Amino acid sequence: MIDVTDADFEAQVIGSELPVLVEFTADWCPPCRQMGPVLKALAAEEAGRLKVVQLNVDQNPETTNAYKVLSMPTFMVFRDGEPVKSMVGARPKRRLLEELADVV
């Protein structure tokens, strides 16, 4: 899983050939930490089909504000440089996969 910043968001996410799942996260957010192992497993299982990245909202306010992210964790799927799906809150891997099925 890759950490992205305001500086490389465009290159890592907007310019990606694969769909990208972005987790907007924060160090102080327990549900965000809970999602860590789920996202690592998802990144490994979906390698080649889906890119999984994290963006720390406290350290990267430009991107956070640009996409109007207010709650953590927020998950956004980007395809061809555009956000195509948004989900808020921690969830089990099985449910996350179900919700991603239509965009991956």
PDB file of N, CA and C in Angstrom:
ATOM      1  N   MET A   1       0.844  -1.171   0.000  1.00  0.00           N
ATOM      2  CA  MET A   1       0.000   0.000   0.000  1.00  0.00           C
ATOM      3  C   MET A   1       0.897   1.244   0.000  1.00  0.00           C
ATOM      4  N   ILE A   2       0.523   2.226  -0.786  1.00  0.00           N
ATOM      5  CA  ILE A   2       1.350   3.411  -0.999  1.00  0.00           C
ATOM      6  C   ILE A   2       0.759   4.595  -0.237  1.00  0.00           C
ATOM      7  N   ASP A   3       1.625   5.395   0.378  1.00  0.00           N
ATOM      8  CA  ASP A   3       1.203   6.663   0.968  1.00  0.00           C
ATOM      9  C   ASP A   3       1.349   7.739  -0.100  1.00  0.00           C
ATOM     10  N   VAL A   4       0.279   8.513  -0.316  1.00  0.00           N
ATOM     11  CA  VAL A   4       0.347   9.613  -1.272  1.00  0.00           C
ATOM     12  C   VAL A   4       0.217  10.939  -0.531  1.00  0.00           C
ATOM     13  N   THR A   5       0.656  12.014  -1.182  1.00  0.00           N
ATOM     14  CA  THR A   5       0.638  13.351  -0.593  1.00  0.00           C
ATOM     15  C   THR A   5       0.012  14.328  -1.581  1.00  0.00           C
ATOM     16  N   ASP A   6      -0.194  15.558  -1.110  1.00  0.00           N
ATOM     17  CA  ASP A   6      -0.675  16.600  -2.028  1.00  0.00           C
ATOM     18  C   ASP A   6       0.256  16.699  -3.242  1.00  0.00           C
ATOM     19  N   ALA A   7       1.564  16.553  -2.992  1.00  0.00           N
ATOM     20  CA  ALA A   7       2.566  16.741  -4.046  1.00  0.00           C
ATOM     21  C   ALA A   7       2.497  15.666  -5.128  1.00  0.00           C
ATOM     22  N   ASP A   8       2.228  14.408  -4.742  1.00  0.00           N
ATOM     23  CA  ASP A   8       2.249  13.344  -5.761  1.00  0.00           C
ATOM     24  C   ASP A   8       0.873  12.721  -6.031  1.00  0.00           C
ATOM     25  N   PHE A   9      -0.195  13.320  -5.507  1.00  0.00           N
ATOM     26  CA  PHE A   9      -1.545  12.775  -5.716  1.00  0.00           C
ATOM     27  C   PHE A   9      -1.875  12.677  -7.196  1.00  0.00           C
ATOM     28  N   GLU A  10      -1.552  13.729  -7.934  1.00  0.00           N
ATOM     29  CA  GLU A  10      -1.875  13.727  -9.372  1.00  0.00           C
ATOM     30  C   GLU A  10      -1.158  12.596 -10.100  1.00  0.00           C
ATOM     31  N   ALA A  11       0.129  12.416  -9.818  1.00  0.00           N
ATOM     32  CA  ALA A  11       0.906  11.369 -10.501  1.00  0.00           C
ATOM     33  C   ALA A  11       0.446   9.972 -10.072  1.00  0.00           C
ATOM     34  N   GLN A  12       0.227   9.776  -8.769  1.00  0.00           N
ATOM     35  CA  GLN A  12      -0.089   8.445  -8.240  1.00  0.00           C
ATOM     36  C   GLN A  12      -1.542   8.031  -8.480  1.00  0.00           C
ATOM     37  N   VAL A  13      -2.463   9.006  -8.420  1.00  0.00           N
ATOM     38  CA  VAL A  13      -3.891   8.681  -8.476  1.00  0.00           C
ATOM     39  C   VAL A  13      -4.531   9.131  -9.787  1.00  0.00           C
ATOM     40  N   ILE A  14      -4.464  10.418 -10.060  1.00  0.00           N
ATOM     41  CA  ILE A  14      -5.128  10.961 -11.254  1.00  0.00           C
ATOM     42  C   ILE A  14      -4.533  10.360 -12.522  1.00  0.00           C
ATOM     43  N   GLY A  15      -3.217  10.175 -12.551  1.00  0.00           N
ATOM     44  CA  GLY A  15      -2.552   9.659 -13.741  1.00  0.00           C
ATOM     45  C   GLY A  15      -2.447   8.147 -13.812  1.00  0.00           C
ATOM     46  N   SER A  16      -3.015   7.441 -12.857  1.00  0.00           N
ATOM     47  CA  SER A  16      -2.887   5.978 -12.816  1.00  0.00           C
ATOM     48  C   SER A  16      -3.690   5.314 -13.931  1.00  0.00           C
ATOM     49  N   GLU A  17      -3.087   4.275 -14.512  1.00  0.00           N
ATOM     50  CA  GLU A  17      -3.800   3.504 -15.533  1.00  0.00           C
ATOM     51  C   GLU A  17      -4.823   2.567 -14.895  1.00  0.00           C
ATOM     52  N   LEU A  18      -4.541   2.146 -13.656  1.00  0.00           N
ATOM     53  CA  LEU A  18      -5.464   1.273 -12.923  1.00  0.00           C
ATOM     54  C   LEU A  18      -6.458   2.114 -12.137  1.00  0.00           C
ATOM     55  N   PRO A  19      -7.642   1.550 -11.809  1.00  0.00           N
ATOM     56  CA  PRO A  19      -8.502   2.223 -10.835  1.00  0.00           C
ATOM     57  C   PRO A  19      -7.732   2.321  -9.509  1.00  0.00           C
ATOM     58  N   VAL A  20      -7.978   3.389  -8.753  1.00  0.00           N
ATOM     59  CA  VAL A  20      -7.261   3.613  -7.503  1.00  0.00           C
ATOM     60  C   VAL A  20      -8.269   3.770  -6.360  1.00  0.00           C
ATOM     61  N   LEU A  21      -8.066   2.994  -5.291  1.00  0.00           N
ATOM     62  CA  LEU A  21      -8.835   3.168  -4.063  1.00  0.00           C
ATOM     63  C   LEU A  21      -7.992   4.021  -3.128  1.00  0.00           C
ATOM     64  N   VAL A  22      -8.490   5.214  -2.778  1.00  0.00           N
ATOM     65  CA  VAL A  22      -7.786   6.119  -1.881  1.00  0.00           C
ATOM     66  C   VAL A  22      -8.481   6.071  -0.527  1.00  0.00           C
ATOM     67  N   GLU A  23      -7.700   5.796   0.522  1.00  0.00           N
ATOM     68  CA  GLU A  23      -8.234   5.930   1.877  1.00  0.00           C
ATOM     69  C   GLU A  23      -7.749   7.263   2.427  1.00  0.00           C
ATOM     70  N   PHE A  24      -8.690   8.153   2.721  1.00  0.00           N
ATOM     71  CA  PHE A  24      -8.368   9.395   3.417  1.00  0.00           C
ATOM     72  C   PHE A  24      -8.362   9.043   4.903  1.00  0.00           C
ATOM     73  N   THR A  25      -7.206   9.175   5.537  1.00  0.00           N
ATOM     74  CA  THR A  25      -7.000   8.639   6.870  1.00  0.00           C
ATOM     75  C   THR A  25      -6.339   9.662   7.782  1.00  0.00           C
ATOM     76  N   ALA A  26      -6.294   9.347   9.073  1.00  0.00           N
ATOM     77  CA  ALA A  26      -5.618  10.204  10.044  1.00  0.00           C
ATOM     78  C   ALA A  26      -5.034   9.328  11.150  1.00  0.00           C
ATOM     79  N   ASP A  27      -3.906   9.765  11.704  1.00  0.00           N
ATOM     80  CA  ASP A  27      -3.246   8.994  12.762  1.00  0.00           C
ATOM     81  C   ASP A  27      -4.129   8.847  14.001  1.00  0.00           C
ATOM     82  N   TRP A  28      -4.986   9.829  14.266  1.00  0.00           N
ATOM     83  CA  TRP A  28      -5.802   9.844  15.476  1.00  0.00           C
ATOM     84  C   TRP A  28      -7.129   9.088  15.314  1.00  0.00           C
ATOM     85  N   CYS A  29      -7.314   8.423  14.199  1.00  0.00           N
ATOM     86  CA  CYS A  29      -8.604   7.799  13.859  1.00  0.00           C
ATOM     87  C   CYS A  29      -8.554   6.273  14.067  1.00  0.00           C
ATOM     88  N   PRO A  30      -9.162   5.763  15.154  1.00  0.00           N
ATOM     89  CA  PRO A  30      -9.141   4.299  15.389  1.00  0.00           C
ATOM     90  C   PRO A  30      -9.729   3.467  14.250  1.00  0.00           C
ATOM     91  N   PRO A  31     -10.881   3.841  13.651  1.00  0.00           N
ATOM     92  CA  PRO A  31     -11.389   3.028  12.534  1.00  0.00           C
ATOM     93  C   PRO A  31     -10.428   2.997  11.346  1.00  0.00           C
ATOM     94  N   CYS A  32      -9.650   4.090  11.165  1.00  0.00           N
ATOM     95  CA  CYS A  32      -8.663   4.117  10.079  1.00  0.00           C
ATOM     96  C   CYS A  32      -7.583   3.075  10.334  1.00  0.00           C
ATOM     97  N   ARG A  33      -7.098   3.019  11.574  1.00  0.00           N
ATOM     98  CA  ARG A  33      -6.071   2.021  11.922  1.00  0.00           C
ATOM     99  C   ARG A  33      -6.624   0.610  11.759  1.00  0.00           C
ATOM    100  N   GLN A  34      -7.896   0.436  12.085  1.00  0.00           N
ATOM    101  CA  GLN A  34      -8.560  -0.867  11.947  1.00  0.00           C
ATOM    102  C   GLN A  34      -8.577  -1.309  10.476  1.00  0.00           C
ATOM    103  N   MET A  35      -8.658  -0.362   9.561  1.00  0.00           N
ATOM    104  CA  MET A  35      -8.725  -0.692   8.135  1.00  0.00           C
ATOM    105  C   MET A  35      -7.364  -1.035   7.539  1.00  0.00           C
ATOM    106  N   GLY A  36      -6.266  -0.720   8.234  1.00  0.00           N
ATOM    107  CA  GLY A  36      -4.922  -0.974   7.716  1.00  0.00           C
ATOM    108  C   GLY A  36      -4.710  -2.384   7.196  1.00  0.00           C
ATOM    109  N   PRO A  37      -4.931  -3.412   8.040  1.00  0.00           N
ATOM    110  CA  PRO A  37      -4.726  -4.791   7.569  1.00  0.00           C
ATOM    111  C   PRO A  37      -5.675  -5.183   6.433  1.00  0.00           C
ATOM    112  N   VAL A  38      -6.899  -4.671   6.467  1.00  0.00           N
ATOM    113  CA  VAL A  38      -7.883  -4.972   5.419  1.00  0.00           C
ATOM    114  C   VAL A  38      -7.383  -4.426   4.079  1.00  0.00           C
ATOM    115  N   LEU A  39      -6.892  -3.183   4.094  1.00  0.00           N
ATOM    116  CA  LEU A  39      -6.426  -2.566   2.849  1.00  0.00           C
ATOM    117  C   LEU A  39      -5.140  -3.202   2.340  1.00  0.00           C
ATOM    118  N   LYS A  40      -4.254  -3.604   3.260  1.00  0.00           N
ATOM    119  CA  LYS A  40      -3.025  -4.299   2.831  1.00  0.00           C
ATOM    120  C   LYS A  40      -3.372  -5.606   2.132  1.00  0.00           C
ATOM    121  N   ALA A  41      -4.318  -6.353   2.696  1.00  0.00           N
ATOM    122  CA  ALA A  41      -4.747  -7.615   2.086  1.00  0.00           C
ATOM    123  C   ALA A  41      -5.411  -7.361   0.738  1.00  0.00           C
ATOM    124  N   LEU A  42      -6.245  -6.341   0.679  1.00  0.00           N
ATOM    125  CA  LEU A  42      -6.919  -5.988  -0.568  1.00  0.00           C
ATOM    126  C   LEU A  42      -5.905  -5.600  -1.646  1.00  0.00           C
ATOM    127  N   ALA A  43      -4.903  -4.810  -1.268  1.00  0.00           N
ATOM    128  CA  ALA A  43      -3.865  -4.383  -2.212  1.00  0.00           C
ATOM    129  C   ALA A  43      -3.128  -5.590  -2.776  1.00  0.00           C
ATOM    130  N   ALA A  44      -2.838  -6.568  -1.920  1.00  0.00           N
ATOM    131  CA  ALA A  44      -2.127  -7.771  -2.371  1.00  0.00           C
ATOM    132  C   ALA A  44      -3.008  -8.613  -3.291  1.00  0.00           C
ATOM    133  N   GLU A  45      -4.265  -8.796  -2.902  1.00  0.00           N
ATOM    134  CA  GLU A  45      -5.182  -9.646  -3.685  1.00  0.00           C
ATOM    135  C   GLU A  45      -5.537  -9.031  -5.038  1.00  0.00           C
ATOM    136  N   GLU A  46      -5.663  -7.716  -5.079  1.00  0.00           N
ATOM    137  CA  GLU A  46      -6.136  -7.044  -6.291  1.00  0.00           C
ATOM    138  C   GLU A  46      -4.994  -6.416  -7.096  1.00  0.00           C
ATOM    139  N   ALA A  47      -3.751  -6.736  -6.745  1.00  0.00           N
ATOM    140  CA  ALA A  47      -2.590  -6.177  -7.466  1.00  0.00           C
ATOM    141  C   ALA A  47      -2.755  -6.453  -8.959  1.00  0.00           C
ATOM    142  N   GLY A  48      -2.542  -5.433  -9.773  1.00  0.00           N
ATOM    143  CA  GLY A  48      -2.713  -5.583 -11.214  1.00  0.00           C
ATOM    144  C   GLY A  48      -4.091  -5.180 -11.688  1.00  0.00           C
ATOM    145  N   ARG A  49      -5.061  -5.128 -10.768  1.00  0.00           N
ATOM    146  CA  ARG A  49      -6.429  -4.711 -11.118  1.00  0.00           C
ATOM    147  C   ARG A  49      -6.831  -3.420 -10.415  1.00  0.00           C
ATOM    148  N   LEU A  50      -6.256  -3.203  -9.213  1.00  0.00           N
ATOM    149  CA  LEU A  50      -6.631  -2.062  -8.385  1.00  0.00           C
ATOM    150  C   LEU A  50      -5.415  -1.598  -7.600  1.00  0.00           C
ATOM    151  N   LYS A  51      -5.200  -0.292  -7.601  1.00  0.00           N
ATOM    152  CA  LYS A  51      -4.123   0.297  -6.810  1.00  0.00           C
ATOM    153  C   LYS A  51      -4.755   0.819  -5.513  1.00  0.00           C
ATOM    154  N   VAL A  52      -4.124   0.554  -4.371  1.00  0.00           N
ATOM    155  CA  VAL A  52      -4.649   0.994  -3.076  1.00  0.00           C
ATOM    156  C   VAL A  52      -3.641   1.948  -2.440  1.00  0.00           C
ATOM    157  N   VAL A  53      -4.103   3.151  -2.101  1.00  0.00           N
ATOM    158  CA  VAL A  53      -3.224   4.159  -1.509  1.00  0.00           C
ATOM    159  C   VAL A  53      -3.894   4.803  -0.297  1.00  0.00           C
ATOM    160  N   GLN A  54      -3.059   5.432   0.540  1.00  0.00           N
ATOM    161  CA  GLN A  54      -3.552   6.176   1.701  1.00  0.00           C
ATOM    162  C   GLN A  54      -3.100   7.619   1.594  1.00  0.00           C
ATOM    163  N   LEU A  55      -3.956   8.530   2.063  1.00  0.00           N
ATOM    164  CA  LEU A  55      -3.590   9.938   2.131  1.00  0.00           C
ATOM    165  C   LEU A  55      -3.913  10.437   3.542  1.00  0.00           C
ATOM    166  N   ASN A  56      -2.904  10.953   4.233  1.00  0.00           N
ATOM    167  CA  ASN A  56      -3.094  11.483   5.585  1.00  0.00           C
ATOM    168  C   ASN A  56      -3.719  12.873   5.466  1.00  0.00           C
ATOM    169  N   VAL A  57      -4.928  13.025   6.016  1.00  0.00           N
ATOM    170  CA  VAL A  57      -5.672  14.277   5.845  1.00  0.00           C
ATOM    171  C   VAL A  57      -5.018  15.446   6.581  1.00  0.00           C
ATOM    172  N   ASP A  58      -4.362  15.178   7.712  1.00  0.00           N
ATOM    173  CA  ASP A  58      -3.739  16.251   8.489  1.00  0.00           C
ATOM    174  C   ASP A  58      -2.512  16.813   7.778  1.00  0.00           C
ATOM    175  N   GLN A  59      -1.804  15.969   7.061  1.00  0.00           N
ATOM    176  CA  GLN A  59      -0.570  16.398   6.390  1.00  0.00           C
ATOM    177  C   GLN A  59      -0.812  16.864   4.958  1.00  0.00           C
ATOM    178  N   ASN A  60      -2.018  16.613   4.441  1.00  0.00           N
ATOM    179  CA  ASN A  60      -2.313  16.920   3.031  1.00  0.00           C
ATOM    180  C   ASN A  60      -3.663  17.621   2.881  1.00  0.00           C
ATOM    181  N   PRO A  61      -3.758  18.854   3.399  1.00  0.00           N
ATOM    182  CA  PRO A  61      -5.060  19.543   3.395  1.00  0.00           C
ATOM    183  C   PRO A  61      -5.567  19.931   2.009  1.00  0.00           C
ATOM    184  N   GLU A  62      -4.670  20.160   1.046  1.00  0.00           N
ATOM    185  CA  GLU A  62      -5.128  20.584  -0.287  1.00  0.00           C
ATOM    186  C   GLU A  62      -6.011  19.523  -0.936  1.00  0.00           C
ATOM    187  N   THR A  63      -5.517  18.285  -0.977  1.00  0.00           N
ATOM    188  CA  THR A  63      -6.282  17.203  -1.605  1.00  0.00           C
ATOM    189  C   THR A  63      -7.535  16.905  -0.797  1.00  0.00           C
ATOM    190  N   THR A  64      -7.403  16.900   0.530  1.00  0.00           N
ATOM    191  CA  THR A  64      -8.544  16.635   1.412  1.00  0.00           C
ATOM    192  C   THR A  64      -9.661  17.645   1.149  1.00  0.00           C
ATOM    193  N   ASN A  65      -9.315  18.919   1.073  1.00  0.00           N
ATOM    194  CA  ASN A  65     -10.315  19.967   0.830  1.00  0.00           C
ATOM    195  C   ASN A  65     -10.851  19.925  -0.592  1.00  0.00           C
ATOM    196  N   ALA A  66      -9.996  19.591  -1.546  1.00  0.00           N
ATOM    197  CA  ALA A  66     -10.421  19.545  -2.950  1.00  0.00           C
ATOM    198  C   ALA A  66     -11.547  18.530  -3.160  1.00  0.00           C
ATOM    199  N   TYR A  67     -11.502  17.426  -2.403  1.00  0.00           N
ATOM    200  CA  TYR A  67     -12.525  16.382  -2.552  1.00  0.00           C
ATOM    201  C   TYR A  67     -13.544  16.422  -1.427  1.00  0.00           C
ATOM    202  N   LYS A  68     -13.530  17.524  -0.649  1.00  0.00           N
ATOM    203  CA  LYS A  68     -14.538  17.767   0.401  1.00  0.00           C
ATOM    204  C   LYS A  68     -14.670  16.594   1.373  1.00  0.00           C
ATOM    205  N   VAL A  69     -13.527  16.063   1.788  1.00  0.00           N
ATOM    206  CA  VAL A  69     -13.512  14.953   2.740  1.00  0.00           C
ATOM    207  C   VAL A  69     -13.674  15.519   4.149  1.00  0.00           C
ATOM    208  N   LEU A  70     -14.706  15.059   4.850  1.00  0.00           N
ATOM    209  CA  LEU A  70     -15.002  15.551   6.188  1.00  0.00           C
ATOM    210  C   LEU A  70     -14.886  14.480   7.261  1.00  0.00           C
ATOM    211  N   SER A  71     -15.095  13.228   6.917  1.00  0.00           N
ATOM    212  CA  SER A  71     -15.082  12.131   7.894  1.00  0.00           C
ATOM    213  C   SER A  71     -13.983  11.148   7.556  1.00  0.00           C
ATOM    214  N   MET A  72     -13.422  10.537   8.598  1.00  0.00           N
ATOM    215  CA  MET A  72     -12.396   9.524   8.406  1.00  0.00           C
ATOM    216  C   MET A  72     -12.890   8.185   8.944  1.00  0.00           C
ATOM    217  N   PRO A  73     -12.584   7.069   8.291  1.00  0.00           N
ATOM    218  CA  PRO A  73     -11.958   7.037   6.975  1.00  0.00           C
ATOM    219  C   PRO A  73     -12.990   7.277   5.872  1.00  0.00           C
ATOM    220  N   THR A  74     -12.561   7.984   4.844  1.00  0.00           N
ATOM    221  CA  THR A  74     -13.342   8.102   3.617  1.00  0.00           C
ATOM    222  C   THR A  74     -12.572   7.360   2.537  1.00  0.00           C
ATOM    223  N   PHE A  75     -13.286   6.542   1.784  1.00  0.00           N
ATOM    224  CA  PHE A  75     -12.684   5.803   0.671  1.00  0.00           C
ATOM    225  C   PHE A  75     -13.237   6.386  -0.620  1.00  0.00           C
ATOM    226  N   MET A  76     -12.352   6.684  -1.554  1.00  0.00           N
ATOM    227  CA  MET A  76     -12.777   7.151  -2.878  1.00  0.00           C
ATOM    228  C   MET A  76     -12.096   6.303  -3.929  1.00  0.00           C
ATOM    229  N   VAL A  77     -12.876   5.923  -4.922  1.00  0.00           N
ATOM    230  CA  VAL A  77     -12.321   5.189  -6.053  1.00  0.00           C
ATOM    231  C   VAL A  77     -12.203   6.165  -7.216  1.00  0.00           C
ATOM    232  N   PHE A  78     -11.006   6.225  -7.790  1.00  0.00           N
ATOM    233  CA  PHE A  78     -10.742   7.065  -8.956  1.00  0.00           C
ATOM    234  C   PHE A  78     -10.502   6.165 -10.150  1.00  0.00           C
ATOM    235  N   ARG A  79     -11.166   6.499 -11.260  1.00  0.00           N
ATOM    236  CA  ARG A  79     -10.927   5.782 -12.508  1.00  0.00           C
ATOM    237  C   ARG A  79     -10.775   6.824 -13.600  1.00  0.00           C
ATOM    238  N   ASP A  80      -9.727   6.691 -14.396  1.00  0.00           N
ATOM    239  CA  ASP A  80      -9.425   7.655 -15.455  1.00  0.00           C
ATOM    240  C   ASP A  80      -9.356   9.085 -14.907  1.00  0.00           C
ATOM    241  N   GLY A  81      -8.805   9.219 -13.699  1.00  0.00           N
ATOM    242  CA  GLY A  81      -8.588  10.531 -13.114  1.00  0.00           C
ATOM    243  C   GLY A  81      -9.791  11.166 -12.437  1.00  0.00           C
ATOM    244  N   GLU A  82     -10.927  10.462 -12.433  1.00  0.00           N
ATOM    245  CA  GLU A  82     -12.153  11.020 -11.855  1.00  0.00           C
ATOM    246  C   GLU A  82     -12.634  10.167 -10.687  1.00  0.00           C
ATOM    247  N   PRO A  83     -13.157  10.817  -9.628  1.00  0.00           N
ATOM    248  CA  PRO A  83     -13.749  10.029  -8.543  1.00  0.00           C
ATOM    249  C   PRO A  83     -15.064   9.415  -9.012  1.00  0.00           C
ATOM    250  N   VAL A  84     -15.193   8.096  -8.900  1.00  0.00           N
ATOM    251  CA  VAL A  84     -16.398   7.411  -9.378  1.00  0.00           C
ATOM    252  C   VAL A  84     -17.213   6.801  -8.246  1.00  0.00           C
ATOM    253  N   LYS A  85     -16.630   6.744  -7.037  1.00  0.00           N
ATOM    254  CA  LYS A  85     -17.369   6.176  -5.906  1.00  0.00           C
ATOM    255  C   LYS A  85     -16.764   6.716  -4.621  1.00  0.00           C
ATOM    256  N   SER A  86     -17.623   6.937  -3.620  1.00  0.00           N
ATOM    257  CA  SER A  86     -17.158   7.403  -2.317  1.00  0.00           C
ATOM    258  C   SER A  86     -17.889   6.640  -1.228  1.00  0.00           C
ATOM    259  N   MET A  87     -17.151   6.225  -0.203  1.00  0.00           N
ATOM    260  CA  MET A  87     -17.721   5.482   0.920  1.00  0.00           C
ATOM    261  C   MET A  87     -17.104   6.027   2.207  1.00  0.00           C
ATOM    262  N   VAL A  88     -17.899   6.107   3.260  1.00  0.00           N
ATOM    263  CA  VAL A  88     -17.401   6.622   4.531  1.00  0.00           C
ATOM    264  C   VAL A  88     -17.550   5.560   5.608  1.00  0.00           C
ATOM    265  N   GLY A  89     -16.492   5.380   6.406  1.00  0.00           N
ATOM    266  CA  GLY A  89     -16.542   4.475   7.551  1.00  0.00           C
ATOM    267  C   GLY A  89     -15.855   3.151   7.304  1.00  0.00           C
ATOM    268  N   ALA A  90     -15.374   2.566   8.411  1.00  0.00           N
ATOM    269  CA  ALA A  90     -14.712   1.262   8.340  1.00  0.00           C
ATOM    270  C   ALA A  90     -15.718   0.188   7.951  1.00  0.00           C
ATOM    271  N   ARG A  91     -15.227  -0.849   7.295  1.00  0.00           N
ATOM    272  CA  ARG A  91     -16.084  -1.964   6.893  1.00  0.00           C
ATOM    273  C   ARG A  91     -15.225  -3.206   6.739  1.00  0.00           C
ATOM    274  N   PRO A  92     -15.844  -4.399   6.882  1.00  0.00           N
ATOM    275  CA  PRO A  92     -15.091  -5.644   6.675  1.00  0.00           C
ATOM    276  C   PRO A  92     -14.658  -5.764   5.213  1.00  0.00           C
ATOM    277  N   LYS A  93     -13.597  -6.543   4.989  1.00  0.00           N
ATOM    278  CA  LYS A  93     -13.053  -6.699   3.636  1.00  0.00           C
ATOM    279  C   LYS A  93     -14.098  -7.232   2.664  1.00  0.00           C
ATOM    280  N   ARG A  94     -14.904  -8.186   3.096  1.00  0.00           N
ATOM    281  CA  ARG A  94     -15.914  -8.769   2.214  1.00  0.00           C
ATOM    282  C   ARG A  94     -16.877  -7.687   1.709  1.00  0.00           C
ATOM    283  N   ARG A  95     -17.329  -6.827   2.607  1.00  0.00           N
ATOM    284  CA  ARG A  95     -18.257  -5.756   2.206  1.00  0.00           C
ATOM    285  C   ARG A  95     -17.560  -4.739   1.301  1.00  0.00           C
ATOM    286  N   LEU A  96     -16.316  -4.433   1.618  1.00  0.00           N
ATOM    287  CA  LEU A  96     -15.560  -3.502   0.787  1.00  0.00           C
ATOM    288  C   LEU A  96     -15.417  -4.043  -0.634  1.00  0.00           C
ATOM    289  N   LEU A  97     -15.111  -5.333  -0.750  1.00  0.00           N
ATOM    290  CA  LEU A  97     -15.008  -5.960  -2.081  1.00  0.00           C
ATOM    291  C   LEU A  97     -16.330  -5.899  -2.831  1.00  0.00           C
ATOM    292  N   GLU A  98     -17.437  -6.145  -2.117  1.00  0.00           N
ATOM    293  CA  GLU A  98     -18.752  -6.075  -2.761  1.00  0.00           C
ATOM    294  C   GLU A  98     -19.010  -4.679  -3.287  1.00  0.00           C
ATOM    295  N   GLU A  99     -18.657  -3.658  -2.479  1.00  0.00           N
ATOM    296  CA  GLU A  99     -18.912  -2.284  -2.888  1.00  0.00           C
ATOM    297  C   GLU A  99     -18.000  -1.837  -4.034  1.00  0.00           C
ATOM    298  N   LEU A 100     -16.841  -2.487  -4.159  1.00  0.00           N
ATOM    299  CA  LEU A 100     -15.907  -2.141  -5.227  1.00  0.00           C
ATOM    300  C   LEU A 100     -16.196  -2.886  -6.524  1.00  0.00           C
ATOM    301  N   ALA A 101     -17.018  -3.924  -6.468  1.00  0.00           N
ATOM    302  CA  ALA A 101     -17.228  -4.807  -7.615  1.00  0.00           C
ATOM    303  C   ALA A 101     -17.655  -4.056  -8.868  1.00  0.00           C
ATOM    304  N   ASP A 102     -18.472  -3.030  -8.717  1.00  0.00           N
ATOM    305  CA  ASP A 102     -18.981  -2.334  -9.898  1.00  0.00           C
ATOM    306  C   ASP A 102     -18.010  -1.301 -10.470  1.00  0.00           C
ATOM    307  N   VAL A 103     -16.904  -1.034  -9.775  1.00  0.00           N
ATOM    308  CA  VAL A 103     -15.982  -0.022 -10.276  1.00  0.00           C
ATOM    309  C   VAL A 103     -14.596  -0.563 -10.604  1.00  0.00           C
ATOM    310  N   VAL A 104     -14.338  -1.828 -10.257  1.00  0.00           N
ATOM    311  CA  VAL A 104     -13.025  -2.417 -10.533  1.00  0.00           C
ATOM    312  C   VAL A 104     -13.095  -3.247 -11.797  1.00  0.00           C
TER     313      VAL A 104
END
